PDB file of N, CA and C in Angstrom:
ATOM      1  N   MET A   1      20.983  28.197  19.872  1.00  0.00           N
ATOM      2  CA  MET A   1      21.182  28.062  18.427  1.00  0.00           C
ATOM      3  C   MET A   1      21.270  26.592  18.031  1.00  0.00           C
ATOM      4  N   GLY A   2      22.102  25.849  18.750  1.00  0.00           N
ATOM      5  CA  GLY A   2      22.277  24.439  18.421  1.00  0.00           C
ATOM      6  C   GLY A   2      21.012  23.631  18.598  1.00  0.00           C
ATOM      7  N   ASN A   3      20.217  24.003  19.592  1.00  0.00           N
ATOM      8  CA  ASN A   3      18.984  23.282  19.881  1.00  0.00           C
ATOM      9  C   ASN A   3      17.966  23.444  18.757  1.00  0.00           C
ATOM     10  N   SER A   4      17.804  24.670  18.265  1.00  0.00           N
ATOM     11  CA  SER A   4      16.829  24.906  17.202  1.00  0.00           C
ATOM     12  C   SER A   4      17.256  24.218  15.906  1.00  0.00           C
ATOM     13  N   LEU A   5      18.554  24.144  15.665  1.00  0.00           N
ATOM     14  CA  LEU A   5      19.044  23.435  14.482  1.00  0.00           C
ATOM     15  C   LEU A   5      18.752  21.948  14.582  1.00  0.00           C
ATOM     16  N   LYS A   6      18.947  21.400  15.763  1.00  0.00           N
ATOM     17  CA  LYS A   6      18.671  19.979  15.975  1.00  0.00           C
ATOM     18  C   LYS A   6      17.190  19.692  15.718  1.00  0.00           C
ATOM     19  N   CYS A   7      16.341  20.580  16.214  1.00  0.00           N
ATOM     20  CA  CYS A   7      14.899  20.441  16.016  1.00  0.00           C
ATOM     21  C   CYS A   7      14.568  20.521  14.523  1.00  0.00           C
ATOM     22  N   PHE A   8      15.172  21.477  13.830  1.00  0.00           N
ATOM     23  CA  PHE A   8      14.952  21.637  12.395  1.00  0.00           C
ATOM     24  C   PHE A   8      15.383  20.377  11.643  1.00  0.00           C
ATOM     25  N   ASP A   9      16.536  19.814  12.022  1.00  0.00           N
ATOM     26  CA  ASP A   9      17.023  18.587  11.386  1.00  0.00           C
ATOM     27  C   ASP A   9      16.032  17.450  11.551  1.00  0.00           C
ATOM     28  N   SER A  10      15.462  17.316  12.748  1.00  0.00           N
ATOM     29  CA  SER A  10      14.528  16.210  12.963  1.00  0.00           C
ATOM     30  C   SER A  10      13.259  16.419  12.139  1.00  0.00           C
ATOM     31  N   ILE A  11      12.823  17.680  11.995  1.00  0.00           N
ATOM     32  CA  ILE A  11      11.642  17.961  11.161  1.00  0.00           C
ATOM     33  C   ILE A  11      11.940  17.610   9.703  1.00  0.00           C
ATOM     34  N   VAL A  12      13.120  17.988   9.232  1.00  0.00           N
ATOM     35  CA  VAL A  12      13.516  17.673   7.851  1.00  0.00           C
ATOM     36  C   VAL A  12      13.587  16.162   7.662  1.00  0.00           C
ATOM     37  N   ASP A  13      14.181  15.459   8.627  1.00  0.00           N
ATOM     38  CA  ASP A  13      14.263  13.996   8.543  1.00  0.00           C
ATOM     39  C   ASP A  13      12.874  13.381   8.461  1.00  0.00           C
ATOM     40  N   GLN A  14      11.954  13.870   9.287  1.00  0.00           N
ATOM     41  CA  GLN A  14      10.594  13.325   9.276  1.00  0.00           C
ATOM     42  C   GLN A  14       9.908  13.596   7.947  1.00  0.00           C
ATOM     43  N   SER A  15      10.082  14.801   7.412  1.00  0.00           N
ATOM     44  CA  SER A  15       9.414  15.123   6.150  1.00  0.00           C
ATOM     45  C   SER A  15       9.997  14.303   5.001  1.00  0.00           C
ATOM     46  N   ILE A  16      11.305  14.079   5.022  1.00  0.00           N
ATOM     47  CA  ILE A  16      11.923  13.227   3.996  1.00  0.00           C
ATOM     48  C   ILE A  16      11.385  11.807   4.118  1.00  0.00           C
ATOM     49  N   PHE A  17      11.293  11.326   5.353  1.00  0.00           N
ATOM     50  CA  PHE A  17      10.770   9.978   5.587  1.00  0.00           C
ATOM     51  C   PHE A  17       9.344   9.862   5.057  1.00  0.00           C
ATOM     52  N   LEU A  18       8.512  10.859   5.365  1.00  0.00           N
ATOM     53  CA  LEU A  18       7.121  10.827   4.905  1.00  0.00           C
ATOM     54  C   LEU A  18       7.042  10.901   3.383  1.00  0.00           C
ATOM     55  N   TYR A  19       7.905  11.723   2.782  1.00  0.00           N
ATOM     56  CA  TYR A  19       7.912  11.852   1.326  1.00  0.00           C
ATOM     57  C   TYR A  19       8.306  10.528   0.671  1.00  0.00           C
ATOM     58  N   VAL A  20       9.348   9.897   1.205  1.00  0.00           N
ATOM     59  CA  VAL A  20       9.813   8.610   0.661  1.00  0.00           C
ATOM     60  C   VAL A  20       8.734   7.556   0.844  1.00  0.00           C
ATOM     61  N   LYS A  21       8.102   7.559   2.020  1.00  0.00           N
ATOM     62  CA  LYS A  21       7.029   6.595   2.293  1.00  0.00           C
ATOM     63  C   LYS A  21       5.894   6.775   1.285  1.00  0.00           C
ATOM     64  N   LYS A  22       5.524   8.034   1.022  1.00  0.00           N
ATOM     65  CA  LYS A  22       4.457   8.317   0.058  1.00  0.00           C
ATOM     66  C   LYS A  22       4.867   7.863  -1.342  1.00  0.00           C
ATOM     67  N   ALA A  23       6.119   8.109  -1.714  1.00  0.00           N
ATOM     68  CA  ALA A  23       6.604   7.700  -3.033  1.00  0.00           C
ATOM     69  C   ALA A  23       6.539   6.180  -3.184  1.00  0.00           C
ATOM     70  N   ILE A  24       6.906   5.465  -2.123  1.00  0.00           N
ATOM     71  CA  ILE A  24       6.853   3.996  -2.157  1.00  0.00           C
ATOM     72  C   ILE A  24       5.404   3.539  -2.281  1.00  0.00           C
ATOM     73  N   LEU A  25       4.505   4.160  -1.518  1.00  0.00           N
ATOM     74  CA  LEU A  25       3.092   3.785  -1.591  1.00  0.00           C
ATOM     75  C   LEU A  25       2.519   4.059  -2.977  1.00  0.00           C
ATOM     76  N   ASP A  26       2.880   5.210  -3.570  1.00  0.00           N
ATOM     77  CA  ASP A  26       2.409   5.529  -4.921  1.00  0.00           C
ATOM     78  C   ASP A  26       2.896   4.486  -5.923  1.00  0.00           C
ATOM     79  N   GLU A  27       4.144   4.070  -5.766  1.00  0.00           N
ATOM     80  CA  GLU A  27       4.714   3.059  -6.660  1.00  0.00           C
ATOM     81  C   GLU A  27       3.976   1.730  -6.503  1.00  0.00           C
ATOM     82  N   GLU A  28       3.652   1.373  -5.254  1.00  0.00           N
ATOM     83  CA  GLU A  28       2.912   0.136  -5.002  1.00  0.00           C
ATOM     84  C   GLU A  28       1.527   0.199  -5.640  1.00  0.00           C
ATOM     85  N   LYS A  29       0.885   1.365  -5.557  1.00  0.00           N
ATOM     86  CA  LYS A  29      -0.437   1.517  -6.168  1.00  0.00           C
ATOM     87  C   LYS A  29      -0.350   1.331  -7.675  1.00  0.00           C
ATOM     88  N   LYS A  30       0.694   1.899  -8.292  1.00  0.00           N
ATOM     89  CA  LYS A  30       0.874   1.745  -9.741  1.00  0.00           C
ATOM     90  C   LYS A  30       1.037   0.277 -10.108  1.00  0.00           C
ATOM     91  N   LYS A  31       1.799  -0.454  -9.301  1.00  0.00           N
ATOM     92  CA  LYS A  31       2.000  -1.880  -9.574  1.00  0.00           C
ATOM     93  C   LYS A  31       0.705  -2.654  -9.397  1.00  0.00           C
ATOM     94  N   ALA A  32      -0.157  -2.193  -8.488  1.00  0.00           N
ATOM     95  CA  ALA A  32      -1.384  -2.923  -8.182  1.00  0.00           C
ATOM     96  C   ALA A  32      -2.458  -2.745  -9.249  1.00  0.00           C
ATOM     97  N   ILE A  33      -2.354  -1.691 -10.055  1.00  0.00           N
ATOM     98  CA  ILE A  33      -3.414  -1.405 -11.029  1.00  0.00           C
ATOM     99  C   ILE A  33      -3.658  -2.572 -11.996  1.00  0.00           C
ATOM    100  N   PRO A  34      -2.626  -3.177 -12.605  1.00  0.00           N
ATOM    101  CA  PRO A  34      -2.901  -4.313 -13.500  1.00  0.00           C
ATOM    102  C   PRO A  34      -3.598  -5.472 -12.793  1.00  0.00           C
ATOM    103  N   PHE A  35      -3.242  -5.705 -11.536  1.00  0.00           N
ATOM    104  CA  PHE A  35      -3.891  -6.779 -10.788  1.00  0.00           C
ATOM    105  C   PHE A  35      -5.351  -6.448 -10.524  1.00  0.00           C
ATOM    106  N   ARG A  36      -5.629  -5.177 -10.241  1.00  0.00           N
ATOM    107  CA  ARG A  36      -7.024  -4.765 -10.026  1.00  0.00           C
ATOM    108  C   ARG A  36      -7.831  -4.936 -11.300  1.00  0.00           C
ATOM    109  N   ILE A  37      -7.238  -4.541 -12.428  1.00  0.00           N
ATOM    110  CA  ILE A  37      -7.937  -4.671 -13.713  1.00  0.00           C
ATOM    111  C   ILE A  37      -8.194  -6.147 -14.008  1.00  0.00           C
ATOM    112  N   ALA A  38      -7.183  -6.978 -13.782  1.00  0.00           N
ATOM    113  CA  ALA A  38      -7.328  -8.412 -14.051  1.00  0.00           C
ATOM    114  C   ALA A  38      -8.390  -9.027 -13.155  1.00  0.00           C
ATOM    115  N   SER A  39      -8.390  -8.668 -11.877  1.00  0.00           N
ATOM    116  CA  SER A  39      -9.375  -9.261 -10.975  1.00  0.00           C
ATOM    117  C   SER A  39     -10.777  -8.768 -11.320  1.00  0.00           C
ATOM    118  N   TRP A  40     -10.897  -7.494 -11.709  1.00  0.00           N
ATOM    119  CA  TRP A  40     -12.197  -6.969 -12.120  1.00  0.00           C
ATOM    120  C   TRP A  40     -12.681  -7.693 -13.371  1.00  0.00           C
ATOM    121  N   TYR A  41     -11.767  -7.924 -14.321  1.00  0.00           N
ATOM    122  CA  TYR A  41     -12.113  -8.606 -15.567  1.00  0.00           C
ATOM    123  C   TYR A  41     -12.588 -10.034 -15.280  1.00  0.00           C
ATOM    124  N   LEU A  42     -11.831 -10.747 -14.440  1.00  0.00           N
ATOM    125  CA  LEU A  42     -12.216 -12.117 -14.103  1.00  0.00           C
ATOM    126  C   LEU A  42     -13.559 -12.147 -13.385  1.00  0.00           C
ATOM    127  N   TYR A  43     -13.776 -11.178 -12.492  1.00  0.00           N
ATOM    128  CA  TYR A  43     -15.035 -11.099 -11.762  1.00  0.00           C
ATOM    129  C   TYR A  43     -16.193 -10.850 -12.722  1.00  0.00           C
ATOM    130  N   SER A  44     -16.003  -9.938 -13.683  1.00  0.00           N
ATOM    131  CA  SER A  44     -17.074  -9.645 -14.635  1.00  0.00           C
ATOM    132  C   SER A  44     -17.350 -10.851 -15.531  1.00  0.00           C
ATOM    133  N   MET A  45     -16.302 -11.605 -15.886  1.00  0.00           N
ATOM    134  CA  MET A  45     -16.501 -12.820 -16.686  1.00  0.00           C
ATOM    135  C   MET A  45     -17.293 -13.859 -15.894  1.00  0.00           C
ATOM    136  N   LYS A  46     -17.012 -13.955 -14.609  1.00  0.00           N
ATOM    137  CA  LYS A  46     -17.728 -14.892 -13.742  1.00  0.00           C
ATOM    138  C   LYS A  46     -19.209 -14.519 -13.679  1.00  0.00           C
ATOM    139  N   ILE A  47     -19.500 -13.224 -13.548  1.00  0.00           N
ATOM    140  CA  ILE A  47     -20.888 -12.750 -13.513  1.00  0.00           C
ATOM    141  C   ILE A  47     -21.585 -13.073 -14.838  1.00  0.00           C
ATOM    142  N   LYS A  48     -20.891 -12.843 -15.960  1.00  0.00           N
ATOM    143  CA  LYS A  48     -21.471 -13.151 -17.276  1.00  0.00           C
ATOM    144  C   LYS A  48     -21.794 -14.634 -17.383  1.00  0.00           C
ATOM    145  N   GLU A  49     -20.869 -15.463 -16.913  1.00  0.00           N
ATOM    146  CA  GLU A  49     -21.066 -16.916 -16.975  1.00  0.00           C
ATOM    147  C   GLU A  49     -22.272 -17.332 -16.132  1.00  0.00           C
ATOM    148  N   GLN A  50     -22.384 -16.773 -14.933  1.00  0.00           N
ATOM    149  CA  GLN A  50     -23.521 -17.102 -14.066  1.00  0.00           C
ATOM    150  C   GLN A  50     -24.826 -16.636 -14.691  1.00  0.00           C
ATOM    151  N   THR A  51     -24.810 -15.461 -15.302  1.00  0.00           N
ATOM    152  CA  THR A  51     -26.009 -14.932 -15.961  1.00  0.00           C
ATOM    153  C   THR A  51     -26.403 -15.826 -17.128  1.00  0.00           C
ATOM    154  N   ARG A  52     -25.416 -16.270 -17.896  1.00  0.00           N
ATOM    155  CA  ARG A  52     -25.683 -17.145 -19.036  1.00  0.00           C
ATOM    156  C   ARG A  52     -26.320 -18.458 -18.563  1.00  0.00           C
ATOM    157  N   LYS A  53     -25.809 -19.009 -17.464  1.00  0.00           N
ATOM    158  CA  LYS A  53     -26.368 -20.256 -16.927  1.00  0.00           C
ATOM    159  C   LYS A  53     -27.801 -20.047 -16.453  1.00  0.00           C
ATOM    160  N   LEU A  54     -28.063 -18.899 -15.808  1.00  0.00           N
ATOM    161  CA  LEU A  54     -29.422 -18.605 -15.351  1.00  0.00           C
ATOM    162  C   LEU A  54     -30.379 -18.480 -16.525  1.00  0.00           C
ATOM    163  N   VAL A  55     -29.937 -17.778 -17.565  1.00  0.00           N
ATOM    164  CA  VAL A  55     -30.779 -17.583 -18.750  1.00  0.00           C
ATOM    165  C   VAL A  55     -31.025 -18.928 -19.429  1.00  0.00           C
ATOM    166  N   ALA A  56     -29.998 -19.751 -19.529  1.00  0.00           N
ATOM    167  CA  ALA A  56     -30.143 -21.069 -20.161  1.00  0.00           C
ATOM    168  C   ALA A  56     -31.092 -21.941 -19.349  1.00  0.00           C
ATOM    169  N   GLY A  57     -31.059 -21.807 -18.032  1.00  0.00           N
ATOM    170  CA  GLY A  57     -31.939 -22.597 -17.169  1.00  0.00           C
ATOM    171  C   GLY A  57     -33.383 -22.148 -17.252  1.00  0.00           C
ATOM    172  N   CYS A  58     -33.614 -20.885 -17.552  1.00  0.00           N
ATOM    173  CA  CYS A  58     -34.975 -20.342 -17.584  1.00  0.00           C
ATOM    174  C   CYS A  58     -35.688 -20.638 -18.894  1.00  0.00           C
ATOM    175  N   THR A  59     -34.945 -20.874 -19.959  1.00  0.00           N
ATOM    176  CA  THR A  59     -35.602 -21.075 -21.260  1.00  0.00           C
ATOM    177  C   THR A  59     -35.946 -22.517 -21.483  1.00  0.00           C
TER     178      THR A  59
END
């Protein structure tokens, strides 16, 4: 009886650990979204600038 309870406790501990780990990762992803948007925006502006220079050079 005691052995199976100990095993059950370790399974519960592991599942709680995994759940908390997932919650932390989800929170990190949420924090990263503004940085991703900003980097995408800056990258697209850089592409526009390069395209503008190419067009200006061709005319």
